[in-house]
Each structure stands twice: as structure tokens, then as C-alpha cells.
Amino acid sequence: MENPIAVIDFGSQYTQLIVRRIREFGYFSKLYQPGELRDTGSPPAVILSGGPRSTLEPDAPDIDFDYLKSLGVPVLGVCYGMQLLNLKFGGSVAPGHTREYGPATLLTSPGNPLFDGVRDHSQIWMSHSDTCRMPETARILGENLDGIPVGLQWADNFFGIQFHPEVSHTDEGKKILRNFLNLAKNPTPFRIESFKDHLIERVRQEAAGRKVVCGVSGGVDSSVLAALLHESGVDTRYIFVDNGLLRKDEAREVQDQFRTVGIEIETVDASRQFLDALAGETDPEQKRRIIGRLFVDVFFNAVGDDVELLAQGTLYPDVIESATSGSIASTIKTHHNRVDRIMELKAQGRVIEPLDELFKDEVRDLGRTLGLPDPVVKRHPFPGPGLAVRCPGEITPEKLEIIRNADRIYIDLLRDRGWYDRVWQAYAALIPTKTVGVKGDERCYEYALSLRAVTSEDAMTAEWVHLPYELLAEISNRILNEVKGVNRVLYDISTKPPASIEWE
């Protein structure tokens, strides 16, 4: 699809949320690195994202300002983007007295298009340490309670805001973005039904007669990827690797699931290899690397050395969190599909990732247009490293069995009580410590278990779910009575940020 609204990524962990919000409004948007500004074509508008760096640093990320002005389109700078634009228009940036992170109040000025219809007192979400000292030609559109400008306009079509409109914590952020998009010049529409045709054509062009190998897990991403490849008609082998880190009965369920949609898969049982490779390892990043590298080894041993193209279900959040491909974002964690060998394959042009511009909910919508049933597209996300990220510390068969049995009880009760589809992701994780308890009038020393349930739109931010006490009590009672090795159940009420959704 051509002429997307261009979002320039200066490294904020929220950057892809801007793209997502724009698509929610029905317009096509795409993420670019600062050096790719000339690759944006004829964008209807440009947004410069926030970022972790300071514009005061000698090697701070920059933009081709002359080219940006030559586009003649509306430009919005967010946080870092606002400070960068302020410098370009002759202003300055100075360290603030304190770092502002979290909620603040926006006081708007009347008669400006950016804040049209926005309340004169509105909550916004801050994340910055520098402040702008604007040039005389700038116009203040909004301030915080301390009188510091948090909304500026330098020229007819150049705007800046010192807060994040893309996050849900900014009460009227969507309205502010909508106001800016109303200034865009003929933005390209975005509908998942038409985007499906774009993806099918992309798959056919990238495959170009080559044989494709696709690893499937039964999760939403790989299932939709498999359905997309199937719909595209490319020559594909579908391989399912049982890494021994799956949920209870999952291998059998995956095989049945693909059989019902007419896709034949090959299963490789490598559970013993993975558990042996992970024995004694406790470092979370190292465990991810071991799993990712071994998966590639097992996968390619199964298909041979003549694989021409590897298909992966990589999504936008995977790419952003791993901070790859030259991104200046801070790395949150290494994703299993971003290990060295796969990156080498990518450099050789032997990896295809058709979903890498989509968010999770968009992937679900794509799955529906491809004819996948609701039990598949509504399935909760499951991490590539499997239960390894829910088993802090050393991974052992005993611990995995505890997690599997507890997780099955938890998920089954969520389904039975009508909560599964109201939760974005839920799981049981083992806490790597044992606690004193009493069972059968005797002292026991067993593991503590954590239950997690969150709502999210894209995995970049998440809120914990307020499950009913009665349901939590029922889940806890069942686990304590039926799962050997657990004598304590806790409920995780952490948001993301600062916590991540998974434990590791």
C-alpha cells in the first residue's frame, strides 16, 4: 500500500502505538527510521515520535529538516520530536528541574486546530526530562499546571506536544491525534480486508517460486501466518516443534486444530533436547537465546539444508521490543525469532515475515477474513519460548508439570465462568521460591504460584484484570487441592509498565 502516514521512530517504546491509533481511525500508517525519511514517498502527514535520548547529546538522532519542510504536509512532533522541531525553528532545549514521568494536566488555549474540542483541563501522560525554550515565532497551544509549554505551533503545519497522545493514560489523546489527522492530505484508507490482498500479493512476490518452510505453534500468530501462506498458494511445509515447554496436551490440540482447517503439519518431538540444553541455566536472556537457537537447529535438521525461505509470524511489537534493524529504541527483551542465526538468514534474504506490520488485534481480524474459527483467533497470546518465561530460575520437568496442571485449572475456570474472552492474556507462573505451609496437619515446604490476567491492546502496555474474589478463591482452592507441589497462590496486580506481561 502506498503513501502511508509516516511515523518516524526516534526510539520510544510507545512509537508503534501511534501507528496503531492511526489505523484505528481507518488510515494506513507505517514506521520509519529517521534516516528513511526520503523513503516515505508522498506521505499525507508525518509524525516524529518520542525517544529515550536527549536532543542535547552530541550524537542525538536527527532528521533531514529541509526535506521534511519540502514535503509540505502537516508535521507533529511528540516529546523528543517536539524538542527536535523546536531546535530546528530556532528555539532551544534545556534540562528540566525534574524528570516528568506519569500523569499531568493539559491546559489548552482556544482557537487552535490541534486541541479543537479538547477540554481546557485534561489528563495527559508525560515521559521526558528536557523542556523547550521556544523562539519568538512559536505559538503556545497548551501548558501544564506549572506554566510550561506542552503544546506548540511553529508554522502553519508544524505542531509539537510534550506528552504521549497515543497511550490510554492521555484522556483525550485519540481526539488530539484525530484533529491532527484531519489536517492530512488525502490519507490512504486502511481496512484489514483490503490489506489481506496486499499481504497475499507480498507473500507471492517474496516467495517467487521458492519453497517455504513455516514453523507453527498453534498460537494466533503462526496459525494466521499458516492460513495466509495457504491462501496465497505458495509451496509450503508446515512444521510443529514440540519443545517440551508447551501447556498441558497442547501438542495434540495443535495437530487437531490444523487438521480442521485443512492444513497438514509435521510434528517433531524435541522436548528432551530442549530440557537438556536448558538444564542448570537461570539467566532469562540466556534461556531465550538457548531456546531460539536450538529451535532453529531442530527446525532445520527436520527440513534439511535446502530450505529456501523461512516464514515467521513476527509482529510489530516483536520488532520494536527487540530493537532490531537499526532501531534506536532501547531493548526490552530478546525475542525468540530474533536470534543470531535467524538474523543471518534475514540478511541472506531467506526469511519472510508477512505479519511484521500488524498488531495482535489486526492479526486476529486477518485470521477471521481468512476463515479461521473463533477458538483459534480468540486464543490468548502464548510466548515463543513457552513455559520457560513462566518458570523463573532453573527449568525442570517437575516445575513444568506444576505450571501445566495449575494453568489448565486456571484457564478452564476462566472459560467456564465466562471470563476467558474478557481477558487479553492469562496464565500461571511458578515463583522460584518455596514457602512453608500445612497440608494434612503436616508441615510442607512447597512452591508459591502466581496467577496473571491482563487486558491490553498490543502487549506494549497492560492493565491487570479485576477478577471477582469468588472466582480467585475457587481457582486458588482447586490449585492447592489438585496440584502437587504448590502450597501458596498469589494474584499479580502489576501493570505494564513497570512490569512486563510475562515474568521473564
Protein backbone atom coordinates (compact mmCIF):
# COMPACT_ATOMS: atom_id res chain seq x y z
CA MET A 1 0.00 0.00 0.00
CA GLU A 2 1.31 3.41 -0.98
CA ASN A 3 1.56 6.81 0.70
CA PRO A 4 1.19 5.86 4.37
CA ILE A 5 1.10 8.43 7.12
CA ALA A 6 4.77 8.31 8.12
CA VAL A 7 5.71 7.84 11.76
CA ILE A 8 9.42 8.49 12.31
CA ASP A 9 10.78 6.29 15.09
CA PHE A 10 13.14 8.06 17.48
CA GLY A 11 13.12 5.10 19.86
CA SER A 12 10.13 5.49 22.16
CA GLN A 13 8.66 2.21 23.39
CA TYR A 14 5.25 3.71 22.54
CA THR A 15 6.06 4.59 18.92
CA GLN A 16 4.18 1.71 17.33
CA LEU A 17 1.11 2.73 19.31
CA ILE A 18 0.95 5.88 17.19
CA VAL A 19 0.79 3.69 14.08
CA ARG A 20 -1.88 1.58 15.68
CA ARG A 21 -4.03 4.56 16.65
CA ILE A 22 -3.86 5.93 13.10
CA ARG A 23 -5.01 2.58 11.72
CA GLU A 24 -7.86 2.55 14.22
CA PHE A 25 -9.05 5.73 12.54
CA GLY A 26 -9.05 3.84 9.23
CA TYR A 27 -5.87 5.29 7.68
CA PHE A 28 -2.76 3.43 6.58
CA SER A 29 0.37 4.26 8.56
CA LYS A 30 3.90 2.92 8.65
CA LEU A 31 7.00 3.22 10.83
CA TYR A 32 10.32 4.56 9.51
CA GLN A 33 13.75 5.22 10.96
CA PRO A 34 14.97 8.86 10.89
CA GLY A 35 17.34 8.13 8.02
CA GLU A 36 14.49 6.69 5.96
CA LEU A 37 12.56 9.95 5.64
CA ARG A 38 13.20 10.07 1.89
CA ASP A 39 11.77 6.54 1.61
CA THR A 40 8.34 7.62 2.81
CA GLY A 41 7.18 8.53 -0.69
CA SER A 42 4.41 11.12 -0.56
CA PRO A 43 3.09 10.84 2.99
CA PRO A 44 -0.14 12.71 3.78
CA ALA A 45 1.35 13.67 7.15
CA VAL A 46 4.46 12.99 9.25
CA ILE A 47 4.72 12.32 12.99
CA LEU A 48 8.05 12.45 14.81
CA SER A 49 7.94 10.11 17.79
CA GLY A 50 9.32 10.37 21.28
CA GLY A 51 12.57 8.70 22.28
CA PRO A 52 14.90 7.84 25.18
CA ARG A 53 17.68 10.20 24.08
CA SER A 54 18.12 13.92 24.71
CA THR A 55 18.44 16.43 21.88
CA LEU A 56 21.26 17.95 23.95
CA GLU A 57 23.51 14.94 23.33
CA PRO A 58 26.27 15.48 20.73
CA ASP A 59 25.15 12.49 18.64
CA ALA A 60 21.41 12.88 19.21
CA PRO A 61 19.18 11.40 16.45
CA ASP A 62 18.38 13.98 13.80
CA ILE A 63 16.09 14.49 10.81
CA ASP A 64 16.57 15.98 7.33
CA PHE A 65 14.63 19.13 8.16
CA ASP A 66 14.92 20.74 4.72
CA TYR A 67 13.43 17.66 3.11
CA LEU A 68 10.74 17.47 5.81
CA LYS A 69 9.71 21.06 5.04
CA SER A 70 9.75 20.37 1.31
CA LEU A 71 7.03 17.72 1.72
CA GLY A 72 4.54 20.48 2.50
CA VAL A 73 2.44 18.26 4.77
CA PRO A 74 1.34 18.56 8.41
CA VAL A 75 4.05 17.51 10.89
CA LEU A 76 3.53 16.60 14.55
CA GLY A 77 6.43 16.23 16.98
CA VAL A 78 5.80 14.12 20.08
CA CYS A 79 8.12 14.61 23.10
CA TYR A 80 11.58 14.14 21.55
CA GLY A 81 10.02 15.05 18.21
CA MET A 82 8.70 18.32 19.66
CA GLN A 83 12.09 19.24 21.13
CA LEU A 84 13.81 18.47 17.82
CA LEU A 85 11.37 20.66 15.89
CA ASN A 86 11.82 23.45 18.43
CA LEU A 87 15.57 23.41 17.77
CA LYS A 88 15.01 23.42 14.02
CA PHE A 89 12.81 26.51 14.28
CA GLY A 90 15.44 28.42 16.25
CA GLY A 91 14.41 27.62 19.81
CA SER A 92 16.44 25.83 22.45
CA VAL A 93 16.12 22.87 24.79
CA ALA A 94 17.26 22.83 28.41
CA PRO A 95 17.23 20.22 31.18
CA GLY A 96 14.08 20.40 33.29
CA HIS A 97 14.20 20.84 37.05
CA THR A 98 12.78 17.33 37.42
CA ARG A 99 12.04 14.46 35.09
CA GLU A 100 8.33 14.31 34.30
CA TYR A 101 7.05 10.77 34.05
CA GLY A 102 3.40 9.91 34.50
CA PRO A 103 0.14 11.85 34.65
CA ALA A 104 -0.03 15.62 34.28
CA THR A 105 -2.68 18.20 33.37
CA LEU A 106 -3.02 19.88 29.98
CA LEU A 107 -4.35 23.45 29.95
CA THR A 108 -5.40 24.29 26.40
CA SER A 109 -5.66 27.61 24.60
CA PRO A 110 -8.77 28.24 22.48
CA GLY A 111 -8.83 28.55 18.74
CA ASN A 112 -6.21 26.05 17.60
CA PRO A 113 -6.88 23.02 15.36
CA LEU A 114 -4.79 20.54 17.35
CA PHE A 115 -6.82 20.82 20.56
CA ASP A 116 -10.20 21.51 18.97
CA GLY A 117 -12.91 20.03 21.18
CA VAL A 118 -10.41 19.06 23.92
CA ARG A 119 -11.34 20.07 27.48
CA ASP A 120 -9.43 23.04 28.88
CA HIS A 121 -8.26 20.77 31.75
CA SER A 122 -7.35 17.25 30.60
CA GLN A 123 -5.07 14.47 31.86
CA ILE A 124 -2.01 13.71 29.74
CA TRP A 125 0.90 11.26 30.09
CA MET A 126 4.43 12.64 30.30
CA SER A 127 7.82 10.99 29.79
CA HIS A 128 10.67 13.49 29.40
CA SER A 129 13.49 15.27 31.23
CA ASP A 130 14.10 18.31 28.97
CA THR A 131 11.91 21.33 28.28
CA CYS A 132 11.60 23.67 25.29
CA ARG A 133 12.52 27.33 25.25
CA MET A 134 10.62 28.42 22.19
CA PRO A 135 11.53 31.02 19.60
CA GLU A 136 9.51 34.23 19.35
CA THR A 137 7.71 32.94 16.26
CA ALA A 138 6.23 29.93 18.11
CA ARG A 139 2.67 29.90 19.40
CA ILE A 140 1.75 28.24 22.69
CA LEU A 141 -1.21 25.89 22.27
CA GLY A 142 -1.15 24.32 25.74
CA GLU A 143 0.65 24.37 29.07
CA ASN A 144 0.90 22.22 32.18
CA LEU A 145 -0.05 23.40 35.67
CA ASP A 146 3.43 24.91 36.13
CA GLY A 147 3.01 27.12 33.06
CA ILE A 148 5.50 25.12 30.97
CA PRO A 149 4.51 24.87 27.28
CA VAL A 150 3.47 21.33 26.35
CA GLY A 151 1.81 22.21 23.05
CA LEU A 152 3.45 24.41 20.37
CA GLN A 153 2.92 25.54 16.79
CA TRP A 154 5.85 26.97 14.84
CA ALA A 155 4.41 27.34 11.35
CA ASP A 156 1.10 26.72 9.64
CA ASN A 157 1.56 22.95 9.54
CA PHE A 158 4.22 22.21 12.21
CA PHE A 159 2.97 21.21 15.67
CA GLY A 160 4.55 19.76 18.82
CA ILE A 161 3.29 18.20 22.04
CA GLN A 162 5.34 17.32 25.12
CA PHE A 163 3.23 14.29 26.03
CA HIS A 164 2.10 10.96 24.59
CA PRO A 165 -1.34 11.14 22.93
CA GLU A 166 -1.10 7.52 21.80
CA VAL A 167 -1.31 5.94 25.26
CA SER A 168 -4.60 5.30 27.02
CA HIS A 169 -3.45 7.34 30.04
CA THR A 170 -3.88 10.54 27.99
CA ASP A 171 -7.61 11.02 28.33
CA GLU A 172 -8.22 12.82 25.05
CA GLY A 173 -5.19 11.56 23.16
CA LYS A 174 -7.24 9.97 20.41
CA LYS A 175 -9.12 13.21 19.84
CA ILE A 176 -5.83 15.11 19.58
CA LEU A 177 -4.46 12.62 17.04
CA ARG A 178 -7.75 12.73 15.14
CA ASN A 179 -7.54 16.52 14.99
CA PHE A 180 -4.04 16.28 13.55
CA LEU A 181 -5.08 13.65 11.00
CA ASN A 182 -7.90 15.91 9.87
CA LEU A 183 -5.14 18.16 8.52
CA ALA A 184 -3.57 15.34 6.49
CA LYS A 185 -3.73 15.44 2.70
CA ASN A 186 -5.81 12.55 1.31
CA PRO A 187 -4.64 9.81 3.72
CA THR A 188 -4.71 6.26 2.35
CA PRO A 189 -7.57 4.19 3.81
CA PHE A 190 -6.73 1.08 5.87
CA ARG A 191 -9.08 -1.90 6.08
CA ILE A 192 -7.91 -5.37 7.05
CA GLU A 193 -9.94 -6.94 4.24
CA SER A 194 -8.06 -4.98 1.58
CA PHE A 195 -4.78 -5.32 3.50
CA LYS A 196 -5.21 -9.09 3.23
CA ASP A 197 -4.96 -8.79 -0.55
CA HIS A 198 -1.82 -6.68 -0.12
CA LEU A 199 -0.27 -9.34 2.13
CA ILE A 200 -1.16 -12.18 -0.23
CA GLU A 201 0.50 -10.32 -3.08
CA ARG A 202 3.52 -9.61 -0.86
CA VAL A 203 3.84 -13.32 0.02
CA ARG A 204 3.65 -14.33 -3.63
CA GLN A 205 6.27 -11.78 -4.64
CA GLU A 206 8.68 -12.62 -1.81
CA ALA A 207 8.28 -16.38 -2.26
CA ALA A 208 8.66 -16.03 -6.04
CA GLY A 209 8.63 -19.77 -6.70
CA ARG A 210 10.81 -20.67 -3.73
CA LYS A 211 9.80 -23.41 -1.32
CA VAL A 212 8.64 -22.01 2.01
CA VAL A 213 9.00 -23.63 5.41
CA CYS A 214 6.73 -22.38 8.18
CA GLY A 215 7.07 -23.17 11.85
CA VAL A 216 3.69 -23.40 13.56
CA SER A 217 2.87 -23.42 17.26
CA GLY A 218 -0.91 -23.32 17.36
CA GLY A 219 -0.88 -19.73 18.60
CA VAL A 220 -2.72 -16.93 16.85
CA ASP A 221 0.30 -15.54 15.01
CA SER A 222 1.60 -18.76 13.48
CA SER A 223 -1.93 -20.01 12.75
CA VAL A 224 -2.81 -16.84 10.85
CA LEU A 225 0.56 -16.96 9.07
CA ALA A 226 -0.08 -20.56 8.02
CA ALA A 227 -3.57 -19.65 6.79
CA LEU A 228 -2.14 -16.69 4.84
CA LEU A 229 0.50 -18.88 3.18
CA HIS A 230 -2.17 -21.47 2.41
CA GLU A 231 -4.43 -18.80 0.88
CA SER A 232 -1.51 -17.42 -1.13
CA GLY A 233 -0.98 -20.81 -2.73
CA VAL A 234 2.79 -20.89 -2.20
CA ASP A 235 4.59 -24.22 -1.82
CA THR A 236 4.88 -24.60 1.96
CA ARG A 237 5.85 -27.20 4.54
CA TYR A 238 4.31 -26.64 7.97
CA ILE A 239 6.41 -27.95 10.84
CA PHE A 240 5.47 -28.04 14.52
CA VAL A 241 8.34 -28.41 17.00
CA ASP A 242 7.35 -29.77 20.41
CA ASN A 243 9.99 -28.13 22.59
CA GLY A 244 8.78 -29.63 25.85
CA LEU A 245 7.75 -26.17 27.04
CA LEU A 246 4.12 -26.35 25.95
CA ARG A 247 0.95 -26.29 28.01
CA LYS A 248 -0.93 -29.42 29.01
CA ASP A 249 -1.95 -31.57 25.99
CA GLU A 250 -1.01 -28.73 23.66
CA ALA A 251 0.84 -30.82 21.07
CA ARG A 252 -2.24 -32.95 20.42
CA GLU A 253 -4.54 -29.92 20.37
CA VAL A 254 -2.36 -28.15 17.79
CA GLN A 255 -2.41 -31.14 15.48
CA ASP A 256 -6.21 -31.36 15.71
CA GLN A 257 -6.59 -27.62 15.19
CA PHE A 258 -4.70 -27.52 11.89
CA ARG A 259 -6.37 -30.66 10.66
CA THR A 260 -9.78 -28.97 10.96
CA VAL A 261 -8.72 -26.08 8.67
CA GLY A 262 -7.20 -28.36 6.03
CA ILE A 263 -3.52 -27.76 6.74
CA GLU A 264 -1.27 -30.78 7.19
CA ILE A 265 1.57 -30.28 9.65
CA GLU A 266 4.64 -32.32 10.52
CA THR A 267 5.44 -32.75 14.23
CA VAL A 268 8.98 -33.00 15.63
CA ASP A 269 9.27 -34.06 19.27
CA ALA A 270 12.41 -32.37 20.58
CA SER A 271 11.32 -31.92 24.18
CA ARG A 272 14.24 -33.88 25.60
CA GLN A 273 16.78 -31.82 23.64
CA PHE A 274 15.39 -28.52 24.89
CA LEU A 275 15.21 -29.57 28.53
CA ASP A 276 18.76 -30.92 28.39
CA ALA A 277 20.02 -27.69 26.83
CA LEU A 278 18.30 -25.59 29.50
CA ALA A 279 19.46 -27.68 32.45
CA GLY A 280 21.11 -25.52 35.10
CA GLU A 281 20.53 -22.22 33.26
CA THR A 282 18.86 -19.44 35.26
CA ASP A 283 19.54 -16.24 33.30
CA PRO A 284 16.33 -15.15 31.46
CA GLU A 285 18.06 -13.73 28.39
CA GLN A 286 20.33 -16.76 28.08
CA LYS A 287 17.35 -19.11 28.32
CA ARG A 288 15.64 -17.22 25.50
CA ARG A 289 18.77 -17.45 23.36
CA ILE A 290 19.17 -21.19 24.04
CA ILE A 291 15.55 -21.83 23.07
CA GLY A 292 15.72 -19.65 19.97
CA ARG A 293 18.97 -21.13 18.68
CA LEU A 294 18.00 -24.72 19.42
CA PHE A 295 14.63 -24.21 17.76
CA VAL A 296 16.40 -23.12 14.59
CA ASP A 297 18.76 -26.12 14.78
CA VAL A 298 15.94 -28.61 15.33
CA PHE A 299 13.80 -26.95 12.71
CA PHE A 300 16.48 -27.02 10.03
CA ASN A 301 17.57 -30.53 10.92
CA ALA A 302 13.99 -31.57 10.26
CA VAL A 303 13.69 -29.84 6.89
CA GLY A 304 17.25 -30.25 5.64
CA ASP A 305 19.70 -27.68 4.35
CA ASP A 306 17.82 -26.87 1.16
CA VAL A 307 15.34 -24.50 2.80
CA GLU A 308 14.89 -21.55 0.50
CA LEU A 309 12.60 -19.39 2.60
CA LEU A 310 11.65 -19.42 6.29
CA ALA A 311 8.27 -17.90 7.23
CA GLN A 312 7.85 -16.36 10.68
CA GLY A 313 4.86 -14.85 12.45
CA THR A 314 6.77 -11.82 13.72
CA LEU A 315 4.54 -8.89 14.73
CA TYR A 316 5.21 -5.17 15.13
CA PRO A 317 5.67 -5.35 18.94
CA ASP A 318 8.27 -8.13 18.47
CA VAL A 319 10.31 -5.93 16.18
CA ILE A 320 10.06 -2.85 18.39
CA GLU A 321 10.82 -4.57 21.72
CA SER A 322 13.84 -6.34 20.27
CA ALA A 323 15.12 -3.02 18.88
CA THR A 324 16.46 -4.57 15.70
CA SER A 325 17.05 -3.45 12.10
CA GLY A 326 18.85 -0.29 13.13
CA SER A 327 16.18 0.90 15.52
CA ILE A 328 17.35 3.33 18.20
CA ALA A 329 14.81 2.05 20.71
CA SER A 330 16.04 0.58 23.98
CA THR A 331 15.94 -3.21 24.02
CA ILE A 332 13.32 -4.58 26.42
CA LYS A 333 13.98 -8.25 25.77
CA THR A 334 15.31 -10.50 23.05
CA HIS A 335 12.51 -12.24 21.18
CA HIS A 336 12.87 -15.88 20.21
CA ASN A 337 12.59 -15.05 16.49
CA ARG A 338 15.42 -12.51 16.69
CA VAL A 339 18.34 -14.83 17.47
CA ASP A 340 21.63 -14.61 15.56
CA ARG A 341 21.04 -17.40 13.07
CA ILE A 342 17.65 -16.08 12.01
CA MET A 343 19.10 -12.60 11.67
CA GLU A 344 21.77 -14.11 9.42
CA LEU A 345 19.06 -15.73 7.33
CA LYS A 346 17.30 -12.39 7.12
CA ALA A 347 20.49 -10.79 5.83
CA GLN A 348 20.60 -13.50 3.17
CA GLY A 349 17.02 -12.76 2.12
CA ARG A 350 15.81 -16.15 3.33
CA VAL A 351 13.18 -15.01 5.86
CA ILE A 352 9.66 -13.83 5.14
CA GLU A 353 7.64 -12.09 7.86
CA PRO A 354 4.34 -11.00 6.29
CA LEU A 355 2.76 -10.02 9.62
CA ASP A 356 5.56 -7.74 10.77
CA GLU A 357 3.50 -4.59 10.17
CA LEU A 358 0.46 -5.80 12.13
CA PHE A 359 -0.60 -5.64 15.75
CA LYS A 360 -2.16 -8.56 17.60
CA ASP A 361 -5.77 -7.44 17.18
CA GLU A 362 -5.18 -6.81 13.48
CA VAL A 363 -3.76 -10.32 13.15
CA ARG A 364 -6.93 -11.68 14.77
CA ASP A 365 -9.05 -9.71 12.29
CA LEU A 366 -6.92 -11.01 9.43
CA GLY A 367 -7.44 -14.56 10.70
CA ARG A 368 -11.20 -14.08 10.58
CA THR A 369 -11.04 -12.86 6.98
CA LEU A 370 -9.00 -15.98 6.17
CA GLY A 371 -11.73 -18.20 7.63
CA LEU A 372 -10.09 -19.31 10.88
CA PRO A 373 -12.57 -20.27 13.63
CA ASP A 374 -13.04 -18.17 16.78
CA PRO A 375 -11.29 -20.65 19.13
CA VAL A 376 -8.13 -20.01 17.10
CA VAL A 377 -8.30 -16.24 16.59
CA LYS A 378 -9.50 -15.55 20.15
CA ARG A 379 -6.80 -17.66 21.75
CA HIS A 380 -4.70 -15.86 24.34
CA PRO A 381 -1.14 -14.99 23.29
CA PHE A 382 1.45 -17.62 24.16
CA PRO A 383 5.16 -16.69 24.14
CA GLY A 384 7.54 -18.30 21.69
CA PRO A 385 9.82 -19.61 24.48
CA GLY A 386 6.74 -21.22 26.01
CA LEU A 387 6.59 -22.02 29.70
CA ALA A 388 10.27 -21.13 30.05
CA VAL A 389 9.30 -17.48 30.61
CA ARG A 390 6.82 -18.58 33.28
CA CYS A 391 9.39 -20.61 35.17
CA PRO A 392 11.97 -18.20 36.63
CA GLY A 393 15.23 -19.82 37.60
CA GLU A 394 16.24 -23.31 36.52
CA ILE A 395 13.72 -25.18 34.37
CA THR A 396 12.96 -28.74 35.47
CA PRO A 397 10.31 -31.31 34.45
CA GLU A 398 8.85 -31.08 37.97
CA LYS A 399 8.36 -27.32 37.75
CA LEU A 400 6.88 -27.55 34.25
CA GLU A 401 4.38 -30.15 35.39
CA ILE A 402 3.27 -27.89 38.25
CA ILE A 403 2.79 -24.96 35.85
CA ARG A 404 0.89 -27.10 33.33
CA ASN A 405 -1.53 -28.51 35.84
CA ALA A 406 -2.17 -25.17 37.55
CA ASP A 407 -2.53 -23.33 34.25
CA ARG A 408 -5.08 -25.85 32.97
CA ILE A 409 -7.24 -25.38 36.07
CA TYR A 410 -6.93 -21.60 35.82
CA ILE A 411 -7.80 -21.34 32.11
CA ASP A 412 -10.62 -23.91 32.30
CA LEU A 413 -12.27 -21.98 35.13
CA LEU A 414 -11.91 -18.69 33.24
CA ARG A 415 -13.70 -20.31 30.30
CA ASP A 416 -16.39 -21.91 32.46
CA ARG A 417 -17.13 -18.66 34.29
CA GLY A 418 -17.24 -16.51 31.14
CA TRP A 419 -14.01 -14.60 31.74
CA TYR A 420 -11.67 -16.04 29.11
CA ASP A 421 -12.80 -13.77 26.28
CA ARG A 422 -12.83 -10.74 28.59
CA VAL A 423 -9.13 -11.22 29.35
CA TRP A 424 -6.35 -10.50 26.84
CA GLN A 425 -3.90 -12.94 28.40
CA ALA A 426 -3.92 -15.13 31.49
CA TYR A 427 -1.52 -17.73 32.84
CA ALA A 428 0.01 -19.34 35.91
CA ALA A 429 3.71 -18.82 36.67
CA LEU A 430 5.90 -20.52 39.21
CA ILE A 431 7.60 -18.30 41.78
CA PRO A 432 11.18 -19.56 42.21
CA THR A 433 10.98 -19.99 45.97
CA LYS A 434 9.41 -22.45 48.36
CA THR A 435 7.26 -21.44 51.31
CA VAL A 436 6.12 -23.11 54.49
CA GLY A 437 2.57 -24.44 54.54
CA VAL A 438 0.34 -27.03 56.18
CA LYS A 439 -1.24 -29.94 54.34
CA GLY A 440 -2.97 -32.81 56.08
CA ASP A 441 -2.00 -31.46 59.50
CA GLU A 442 1.65 -31.67 58.48
CA ARG A 443 4.22 -29.04 57.66
CA CYS A 444 5.04 -28.78 53.95
CA TYR A 445 7.65 -26.83 52.07
CA GLU A 446 6.41 -26.24 48.51
CA TYR A 447 6.35 -23.69 45.71
CA ALA A 448 4.35 -20.49 45.53
CA LEU A 449 2.42 -19.84 42.33
CA SER A 450 1.43 -16.55 40.70
CA LEU A 451 -1.72 -16.02 38.61
CA ARG A 452 -1.65 -13.28 35.99
CA ALA A 453 -4.54 -11.84 33.96
CA VAL A 454 -4.22 -8.64 31.92
CA THR A 455 -6.05 -6.54 29.39
CA SER A 456 -4.05 -4.98 26.58
CA GLU A 457 -4.36 -3.77 23.03
CA ASP A 458 -0.91 -4.55 21.73
CA ALA A 459 1.26 -6.02 24.53
CA MET A 460 3.17 -2.75 24.93
CA THR A 461 1.04 -1.61 27.87
CA ALA A 462 -1.23 -3.73 30.06
CA GLU A 463 -3.61 -3.42 33.00
CA TRP A 464 -4.30 -6.22 35.46
CA VAL A 465 -7.81 -7.63 35.42
CA HIS A 466 -10.08 -7.23 38.46
CA LEU A 467 -11.24 -10.84 38.60
CA PRO A 468 -14.01 -11.47 41.15
CA TYR A 469 -12.78 -12.55 44.57
CA GLU A 470 -15.11 -15.54 44.41
CA LEU A 471 -13.51 -16.72 41.16
CA LEU A 472 -9.99 -16.20 42.50
CA ALA A 473 -10.92 -18.15 45.62
CA GLU A 474 -12.27 -21.02 43.52
CA ILE A 475 -9.16 -21.09 41.33
CA SER A 476 -6.84 -20.98 44.32
CA ASN A 477 -8.72 -23.72 46.14
CA ARG A 478 -8.68 -26.01 43.12
CA ILE A 479 -4.95 -25.49 42.53
CA LEU A 480 -3.99 -26.00 46.18
CA ASN A 481 -6.03 -29.19 46.37
CA GLU A 482 -5.21 -30.70 43.00
CA VAL A 483 -1.69 -29.59 42.04
CA LYS A 484 1.08 -31.39 43.84
CA GLY A 485 3.98 -29.18 44.92
CA VAL A 486 2.09 -25.89 45.49
CA ASN A 487 1.01 -24.52 48.87
CA ARG A 488 0.51 -20.83 48.08
CA VAL A 489 -1.32 -18.96 45.28
CA LEU A 490 -0.83 -15.23 44.64
CA TYR A 491 -2.53 -12.86 42.18
CA ASP A 492 -0.30 -10.46 40.23
CA ILE A 493 -1.70 -6.89 40.20
CA SER A 494 1.22 -5.24 38.38
CA THR A 495 0.68 -3.03 35.34
CA LYS A 496 2.96 -2.77 32.30
CA PRO A 497 4.95 -0.61 32.67
CA PRO A 498 6.74 -1.03 35.01
CA ALA A 499 6.27 -4.83 34.98
CA SER A 500 6.24 -6.85 31.78
CA ILE A 501 3.34 -9.16 30.97
CA GLU A 502 5.44 -12.31 31.25
CA TRP A 503 7.73 -12.98 34.18
CA GLU A 504 10.83 -13.34 32.01
